[in-house]
Amino acid sequence: MPPKTRFVIHVPGKTDIGCDTADEVLDALNDLKSTEGVTVADLQTGMKELSREAIEELANGERE
Protein backbone atom coordinates (compact mmCIF):
# COMPACT_ATOMS: atom_id res chain seq x y z
CA MET A 1 0.00 0.00 0.00
CA PRO A 2 1.42 3.43 -0.93
CA PRO A 3 2.29 5.87 1.86
CA LYS A 4 -0.32 8.43 2.84
CA THR A 5 -0.05 11.76 1.07
CA ARG A 6 -1.98 14.99 1.47
CA PHE A 7 -2.93 15.47 -2.18
CA VAL A 8 -3.99 12.97 -4.81
CA ILE A 9 -3.95 13.78 -8.51
CA HIS A 10 -6.31 11.53 -10.45
CA VAL A 11 -5.26 11.15 -14.08
CA PRO A 12 -7.85 9.25 -16.15
CA GLY A 13 -6.45 5.95 -17.41
CA LYS A 14 -3.29 6.19 -15.32
CA THR A 15 -2.15 5.62 -11.75
CA ASP A 16 -3.06 8.32 -9.23
CA ILE A 17 -0.20 10.59 -8.19
CA GLY A 18 0.31 11.35 -4.49
CA CYS A 19 1.89 14.62 -3.34
CA ASP A 20 2.70 15.99 0.10
CA THR A 21 2.74 19.70 -0.76
CA ALA A 22 0.83 22.01 -3.07
CA ASP A 23 4.11 22.89 -4.81
CA GLU A 24 4.58 19.20 -5.65
CA VAL A 25 1.06 19.18 -7.13
CA LEU A 26 1.87 22.18 -9.33
CA ASP A 27 5.11 20.56 -10.50
CA ALA A 28 3.31 17.30 -11.29
CA LEU A 29 0.58 19.14 -13.22
CA ASN A 30 3.23 21.00 -15.21
CA ASP A 31 4.89 17.68 -16.10
CA LEU A 32 1.67 16.19 -17.51
CA LYS A 33 1.24 16.33 -21.29
CA SER A 34 -2.46 17.04 -20.90
CA THR A 35 -4.52 17.99 -17.86
CA GLU A 36 -7.86 17.19 -19.51
CA GLY A 37 -9.99 15.24 -17.04
CA VAL A 38 -7.37 15.51 -14.28
CA THR A 39 -8.70 16.19 -10.78
CA VAL A 40 -6.89 17.07 -7.56
CA ALA A 41 -8.16 16.20 -4.08
CA ASP A 42 -6.88 17.45 -0.71
CA LEU A 43 -7.21 14.48 1.62
CA GLN A 44 -6.46 16.60 4.69
CA THR A 45 -9.47 18.88 4.21
CA GLY A 46 -11.63 16.57 2.11
CA MET A 47 -11.83 19.08 -0.75
CA LYS A 48 -12.15 17.51 -4.17
CA GLU A 49 -11.69 18.84 -7.68
CA LEU A 50 -9.42 21.70 -6.60
CA SER A 51 -8.81 24.34 -9.25
CA ARG A 52 -5.29 25.34 -10.22
CA GLU A 53 -5.93 28.73 -8.58
CA ALA A 54 -6.87 27.03 -5.29
CA ILE A 55 -3.73 24.89 -5.42
CA GLU A 56 -1.61 28.00 -6.07
CA GLU A 57 -3.20 29.70 -3.04
CA LEU A 58 -2.39 26.66 -0.89
CA ALA A 59 1.19 26.66 -2.20
CA ASN A 60 1.57 30.35 -1.36
CA GLY A 61 0.27 29.66 2.16
CA GLU A 62 2.73 26.82 2.61
CA ARG A 63 5.63 29.08 1.61
CA GLU A 64 4.79 31.72 4.24
PDB file of N, CA and C in Angstrom:
ATOM      1  N   MET A   1       0.848  -1.175   0.000  1.00  0.00           N
ATOM      2  CA  MET A   1       0.000   0.000   0.000  1.00  0.00           C
ATOM      3  C   MET A   1       0.897   1.243   0.000  1.00  0.00           C
ATOM      4  N   PRO A   2       0.576   2.235  -0.870  1.00  0.00           N
ATOM      5  CA  PRO A   2       1.418   3.427  -0.928  1.00  0.00           C
ATOM      6  C   PRO A   2       1.306   4.253   0.347  1.00  0.00           C
ATOM      7  N   PRO A   3       2.349   5.030   0.658  1.00  0.00           N
ATOM      8  CA  PRO A   3       2.289   5.869   1.856  1.00  0.00           C
ATOM      9  C   PRO A   3       1.211   6.934   1.713  1.00  0.00           C
ATOM     10  N   LYS A   4       0.718   7.391   2.849  1.00  0.00           N
ATOM     11  CA  LYS A   4      -0.318   8.433   2.841  1.00  0.00           C
ATOM     12  C   LYS A   4       0.285   9.745   2.373  1.00  0.00           C
ATOM     13  N   THR A   5      -0.449  10.443   1.529  1.00  0.00           N
ATOM     14  CA  THR A   5      -0.050  11.765   1.070  1.00  0.00           C
ATOM     15  C   THR A   5      -1.213  12.720   1.299  1.00  0.00           C
ATOM     16  N   ARG A   6      -0.921  14.008   1.254  1.00  0.00           N
ATOM     17  CA  ARG A   6      -1.985  14.988   1.475  1.00  0.00           C
ATOM     18  C   ARG A   6      -2.844  15.156   0.223  1.00  0.00           C
ATOM     19  N   PHE A   7      -2.208  15.231  -0.933  1.00  0.00           N
ATOM     20  CA  PHE A   7      -2.930  15.474  -2.181  1.00  0.00           C
ATOM     21  C   PHE A   7      -2.882  14.253  -3.077  1.00  0.00           C
ATOM     22  N   VAL A   8      -3.961  14.044  -3.820  1.00  0.00           N
ATOM     23  CA  VAL A   8      -3.991  12.973  -4.806  1.00  0.00           C
ATOM     24  C   VAL A   8      -4.431  13.584  -6.130  1.00  0.00           C
ATOM     25  N   ILE A   9      -3.618  13.337  -7.162  1.00  0.00           N
ATOM     26  CA  ILE A   9      -3.949  13.777  -8.512  1.00  0.00           C
ATOM     27  C   ILE A   9      -4.470  12.558  -9.249  1.00  0.00           C
ATOM     28  N   HIS A  10      -5.721  12.636  -9.696  1.00  0.00           N
ATOM     29  CA  HIS A  10      -6.307  11.528 -10.447  1.00  0.00           C
ATOM     30  C   HIS A  10      -6.191  11.844 -11.929  1.00  0.00           C
ATOM     31  N   VAL A  11      -5.443  11.008 -12.635  1.00  0.00           N
ATOM     32  CA  VAL A  11      -5.258  11.146 -14.076  1.00  0.00           C
ATOM     33  C   VAL A  11      -6.021  10.006 -14.730  1.00  0.00           C
ATOM     34  N   PRO A  12      -7.065  10.315 -15.526  1.00  0.00           N
ATOM     35  CA  PRO A  12      -7.852   9.254 -16.150  1.00  0.00           C
ATOM     36  C   PRO A  12      -6.982   8.275 -16.940  1.00  0.00           C
ATOM     37  N   GLY A  13      -7.172   6.987 -16.681  1.00  0.00           N
ATOM     38  CA  GLY A  13      -6.452   5.952 -17.406  1.00  0.00           C
ATOM     39  C   GLY A  13      -5.047   5.686 -16.905  1.00  0.00           C
ATOM     40  N   LYS A  14      -4.628   6.386 -15.860  1.00  0.00           N
ATOM     41  CA  LYS A  14      -3.286   6.195 -15.318  1.00  0.00           C
ATOM     42  C   LYS A  14      -3.356   6.051 -13.806  1.00  0.00           C
ATOM     43  N   THR A  15      -2.230   5.755 -13.196  1.00  0.00           N
ATOM     44  CA  THR A  15      -2.150   5.617 -11.751  1.00  0.00           C
ATOM     45  C   THR A  15      -2.237   6.985 -11.096  1.00  0.00           C
ATOM     46  N   ASP A  16      -2.968   7.068  -9.983  1.00  0.00           N
ATOM     47  CA  ASP A  16      -3.060   8.320  -9.233  1.00  0.00           C
ATOM     48  C   ASP A  16      -1.682   8.735  -8.737  1.00  0.00           C
ATOM     49  N   ILE A  17      -1.475  10.041  -8.636  1.00  0.00           N
ATOM     50  CA  ILE A  17      -0.198  10.593  -8.186  1.00  0.00           C
ATOM     51  C   ILE A  17      -0.412  11.196  -6.803  1.00  0.00           C
ATOM     52  N   GLY A  18       0.396  10.800  -5.839  1.00  0.00           N
ATOM     53  CA  GLY A  18       0.314  11.352  -4.493  1.00  0.00           C
ATOM     54  C   GLY A  18       1.364  12.422  -4.286  1.00  0.00           C
ATOM     55  N   CYS A  19       0.974  13.515  -3.634  1.00  0.00           N
ATOM     56  CA  CYS A  19       1.892  14.615  -3.344  1.00  0.00           C
ATOM     57  C   CYS A  19       1.691  15.072  -1.905  1.00  0.00           C
ATOM     58  N   ASP A  20       2.781  15.515  -1.283  1.00  0.00           N
ATOM     59  CA  ASP A  20       2.703  15.989   0.098  1.00  0.00           C
ATOM     60  C   ASP A  20       2.481  17.487   0.206  1.00  0.00           C
ATOM     61  N   THR A  21       2.887  18.247  -0.813  1.00  0.00           N
ATOM     62  CA  THR A  21       2.737  19.704  -0.755  1.00  0.00           C
ATOM     63  C   THR A  21       2.045  20.200  -2.018  1.00  0.00           C
ATOM     64  N   ALA A  22       1.484  21.408  -1.922  1.00  0.00           N
ATOM     65  CA  ALA A  22       0.825  22.013  -3.075  1.00  0.00           C
ATOM     66  C   ALA A  22       1.841  22.316  -4.183  1.00  0.00           C
ATOM     67  N   ASP A  23       3.071  22.658  -3.806  1.00  0.00           N
ATOM     68  CA  ASP A  23       4.112  22.887  -4.810  1.00  0.00           C
ATOM     69  C   ASP A  23       4.381  21.619  -5.622  1.00  0.00           C
ATOM     70  N   GLU A  24       4.393  20.475  -4.948  1.00  0.00           N
ATOM     71  CA  GLU A  24       4.583  19.203  -5.650  1.00  0.00           C
ATOM     72  C   GLU A  24       3.439  18.961  -6.630  1.00  0.00           C
ATOM     73  N   VAL A  25       2.220  19.330  -6.241  1.00  0.00           N
ATOM     74  CA  VAL A  25       1.064  19.175  -7.130  1.00  0.00           C
ATOM     75  C   VAL A  25       1.267  20.028  -8.375  1.00  0.00           C
ATOM     76  N   LEU A  26       1.653  21.278  -8.191  1.00  0.00           N
ATOM     77  CA  LEU A  26       1.866  22.179  -9.332  1.00  0.00           C
ATOM     78  C   LEU A  26       2.951  21.642 -10.260  1.00  0.00           C
ATOM     79  N   ASP A  27       4.035  21.143  -9.677  1.00  0.00           N
ATOM     80  CA  ASP A  27       5.114  20.559 -10.496  1.00  0.00           C
ATOM     81  C   ASP A  27       4.605  19.357 -11.285  1.00  0.00           C
ATOM     82  N   ALA A  28       3.834  18.492 -10.624  1.00  0.00           N
ATOM     83  CA  ALA A  28       3.307  17.299 -11.288  1.00  0.00           C
ATOM     84  C   ALA A  28       2.350  17.688 -12.413  1.00  0.00           C
ATOM     85  N   LEU A  29       1.501  18.687 -12.181  1.00  0.00           N
ATOM     86  CA  LEU A  29       0.579  19.139 -13.224  1.00  0.00           C
ATOM     87  C   LEU A  29       1.338  19.715 -14.405  1.00  0.00           C
ATOM     88  N   ASN A  30       2.413  20.441 -14.128  1.00  0.00           N
ATOM     89  CA  ASN A  30       3.229  21.005 -15.209  1.00  0.00           C
ATOM     90  C   ASN A  30       3.909  19.919 -16.031  1.00  0.00           C
ATOM     91  N   ASP A  31       4.207  18.768 -15.406  1.00  0.00           N
ATOM     92  CA  ASP A  31       4.885  17.677 -16.097  1.00  0.00           C
ATOM     93  C   ASP A  31       3.936  16.841 -16.969  1.00  0.00           C
ATOM     94  N   LEU A  32       2.631  16.968 -16.732  1.00  0.00           N
ATOM     95  CA  LEU A  32       1.670  16.193 -17.512  1.00  0.00           C
ATOM     96  C   LEU A  32       1.547  16.764 -18.924  1.00  0.00           C
ATOM     97  N   LYS A  33       1.395  15.880 -19.907  1.00  0.00           N
ATOM     98  CA  LYS A  33       1.243  16.327 -21.291  1.00  0.00           C
ATOM     99  C   LYS A  33      -0.112  17.003 -21.482  1.00  0.00           C
ATOM    100  N   SER A  34      -1.124  16.483 -20.806  1.00  0.00           N
ATOM    101  CA  SER A  34      -2.464  17.045 -20.896  1.00  0.00           C
ATOM    102  C   SER A  34      -3.123  16.963 -19.528  1.00  0.00           C
ATOM    103  N   THR A  35      -3.832  18.006 -19.144  1.00  0.00           N
ATOM    104  CA  THR A  35      -4.524  17.994 -17.861  1.00  0.00           C
ATOM    105  C   THR A  35      -6.028  17.814 -18.052  1.00  0.00           C
ATOM    106  N   GLU A  36      -6.434  17.410 -19.243  1.00  0.00           N
ATOM    107  CA  GLU A  36      -7.856  17.190 -19.507  1.00  0.00           C
ATOM    108  C   GLU A  36      -8.367  16.025 -18.658  1.00  0.00           C
ATOM    109  N   GLY A  37      -9.398  16.271 -17.879  1.00  0.00           N
ATOM    110  CA  GLY A  37      -9.993  15.245 -17.038  1.00  0.00           C
ATOM    111  C   GLY A  37      -9.263  14.988 -15.733  1.00  0.00           C
ATOM    112  N   VAL A  38      -8.165  15.693 -15.501  1.00  0.00           N
ATOM    113  CA  VAL A  38      -7.373  15.513 -14.280  1.00  0.00           C
ATOM    114  C   VAL A  38      -8.061  16.232 -13.125  1.00  0.00           C
ATOM    115  N   THR A  39      -8.143  15.560 -11.974  1.00  0.00           N
ATOM    116  CA  THR A  39      -8.699  16.192 -10.777  1.00  0.00           C
ATOM    117  C   THR A  39      -7.698  16.073  -9.636  1.00  0.00           C
ATOM    118  N   VAL A  40      -7.773  17.042  -8.722  1.00  0.00           N
ATOM    119  CA  VAL A  40      -6.888  17.066  -7.563  1.00  0.00           C
ATOM    120  C   VAL A  40      -7.749  17.109  -6.310  1.00  0.00           C
ATOM    121  N   ALA A  41      -7.444  16.235  -5.351  1.00  0.00           N
ATOM    122  CA  ALA A  41      -8.162  16.200  -4.076  1.00  0.00           C
ATOM    123  C   ALA A  41      -7.185  16.460  -2.941  1.00  0.00           C
ATOM    124  N   ASP A  42      -7.655  17.189  -1.930  1.00  0.00           N
ATOM    125  CA  ASP A  42      -6.883  17.447  -0.713  1.00  0.00           C
ATOM    126  C   ASP A  42      -7.446  16.518   0.353  1.00  0.00           C
ATOM    127  N   LEU A  43      -6.722  15.475   0.675  1.00  0.00           N
ATOM    128  CA  LEU A  43      -7.208  14.476   1.624  1.00  0.00           C
ATOM    129  C   LEU A  43      -7.261  15.006   3.047  1.00  0.00           C
ATOM    130  N   GLN A  44      -6.478  16.033   3.345  1.00  0.00           N
ATOM    131  CA  GLN A  44      -6.457  16.601   4.689  1.00  0.00           C
ATOM    132  C   GLN A  44      -7.756  17.348   4.989  1.00  0.00           C
ATOM    133  N   THR A  45      -8.256  18.089   4.005  1.00  0.00           N
ATOM    134  CA  THR A  45      -9.467  18.877   4.213  1.00  0.00           C
ATOM    135  C   THR A  45     -10.706  18.230   3.619  1.00  0.00           C
ATOM    136  N   GLY A  46     -10.501  17.222   2.765  1.00  0.00           N
ATOM    137  CA  GLY A  46     -11.627  16.567   2.111  1.00  0.00           C
ATOM    138  C   GLY A  46     -12.114  17.285   0.863  1.00  0.00           C
ATOM    139  N   MET A  47     -11.430  18.353   0.460  1.00  0.00           N
ATOM    140  CA  MET A  47     -11.831  19.082  -0.746  1.00  0.00           C
ATOM    141  C   MET A  47     -11.454  18.274  -1.976  1.00  0.00           C
ATOM    142  N   LYS A  48     -12.382  18.238  -2.929  1.00  0.00           N
ATOM    143  CA  LYS A  48     -12.151  17.505  -4.170  1.00  0.00           C
ATOM    144  C   LYS A  48     -12.255  18.463  -5.342  1.00  0.00           C
ATOM    145  N   GLU A  49     -11.656  18.061  -6.445  1.00  0.00           N
ATOM    146  CA  GLU A  49     -11.685  18.839  -7.679  1.00  0.00           C
ATOM    147  C   GLU A  49     -11.202  20.272  -7.453  1.00  0.00           C
ATOM    148  N   LEU A  50     -10.036  20.394  -6.831  1.00  0.00           N
ATOM    149  CA  LEU A  50      -9.425  21.703  -6.600  1.00  0.00           C
ATOM    150  C   LEU A  50      -9.016  22.330  -7.924  1.00  0.00           C
ATOM    151  N   SER A  51      -9.248  23.618  -8.053  1.00  0.00           N
ATOM    152  CA  SER A  51      -8.810  24.336  -9.251  1.00  0.00           C
ATOM    153  C   SER A  51      -7.322  24.647  -9.124  1.00  0.00           C
ATOM    154  N   ARG A  52      -6.714  24.976 -10.246  1.00  0.00           N
ATOM    155  CA  ARG A  52      -5.293  25.343 -10.223  1.00  0.00           C
ATOM    156  C   ARG A  52      -5.088  26.572  -9.336  1.00  0.00           C
ATOM    157  N   GLU A  53      -6.026  27.517  -9.395  1.00  0.00           N
ATOM    158  CA  GLU A  53      -5.928  28.726  -8.579  1.00  0.00           C
ATOM    159  C   GLU A  53      -5.942  28.374  -7.090  1.00  0.00           C
ATOM    160  N   ALA A  54      -6.800  27.440  -6.698  1.00  0.00           N
ATOM    161  CA  ALA A  54      -6.873  27.031  -5.290  1.00  0.00           C
ATOM    162  C   ALA A  54      -5.569  26.361  -4.858  1.00  0.00           C
ATOM    163  N   ILE A  55      -4.994  25.561  -5.731  1.00  0.00           N
ATOM    164  CA  ILE A  55      -3.729  24.889  -5.423  1.00  0.00           C
ATOM    165  C   ILE A  55      -2.615  25.926  -5.278  1.00  0.00           C
ATOM    166  N   GLU A  56      -2.618  26.938  -6.157  1.00  0.00           N
ATOM    167  CA  GLU A  56      -1.612  28.002  -6.069  1.00  0.00           C
ATOM    168  C   GLU A  56      -1.748  28.768  -4.760  1.00  0.00           C
ATOM    169  N   GLU A  57      -2.983  29.013  -4.323  1.00  0.00           N
ATOM    170  CA  GLU A  57      -3.201  29.700  -3.044  1.00  0.00           C
ATOM    171  C   GLU A  57      -2.661  28.856  -1.885  1.00  0.00           C
ATOM    172  N   LEU A  58      -2.915  27.551  -1.930  1.00  0.00           N
ATOM    173  CA  LEU A  58      -2.389  26.658  -0.894  1.00  0.00           C
ATOM    174  C   LEU A  58      -0.861  26.665  -0.905  1.00  0.00           C
ATOM    175  N   ALA A  59      -0.274  26.647  -2.099  1.00  0.00           N
ATOM    176  CA  ALA A  59       1.194  26.663  -2.204  1.00  0.00           C
ATOM    177  C   ALA A  59       1.759  27.950  -1.624  1.00  0.00           C
ATOM    178  N   ASN A  60       1.112  29.073  -1.912  1.00  0.00           N
ATOM    179  CA  ASN A  60       1.571  30.354  -1.356  1.00  0.00           C
ATOM    180  C   ASN A  60       1.470  30.343   0.154  1.00  0.00           C
ATOM    181  N   GLY A  61       0.417  29.760   0.710  1.00  0.00           N
ATOM    182  CA  GLY A  61       0.265  29.660   2.157  1.00  0.00           C
ATOM    183  C   GLY A  61       1.322  28.792   2.772  1.00  0.00           C
ATOM    184  N   GLU A  62       1.699  27.722   2.088  1.00  0.00           N
ATOM    185  CA  GLU A  62       2.735  26.816   2.610  1.00  0.00           C
ATOM    186  C   GLU A  62       4.090  27.509   2.647  1.00  0.00           C
ATOM    187  N   ARG A  63       4.324  28.405   1.705  1.00  0.00           N
ATOM    188  CA  ARG A  63       5.627  29.083   1.615  1.00  0.00           C
ATOM    189  C   ARG A  63       5.805  30.132   2.703  1.00  0.00           C
ATOM    190  N   GLU A  64       4.703  30.644   3.232  1.00  0.00           N
ATOM    191  CA  GLU A  64       4.786  31.720   4.237  1.00  0.00           C
ATOM    192  C   GLU A  64       5.208  31.218   5.588  1.00  0.00           C
TER     193      GLU A  64
END
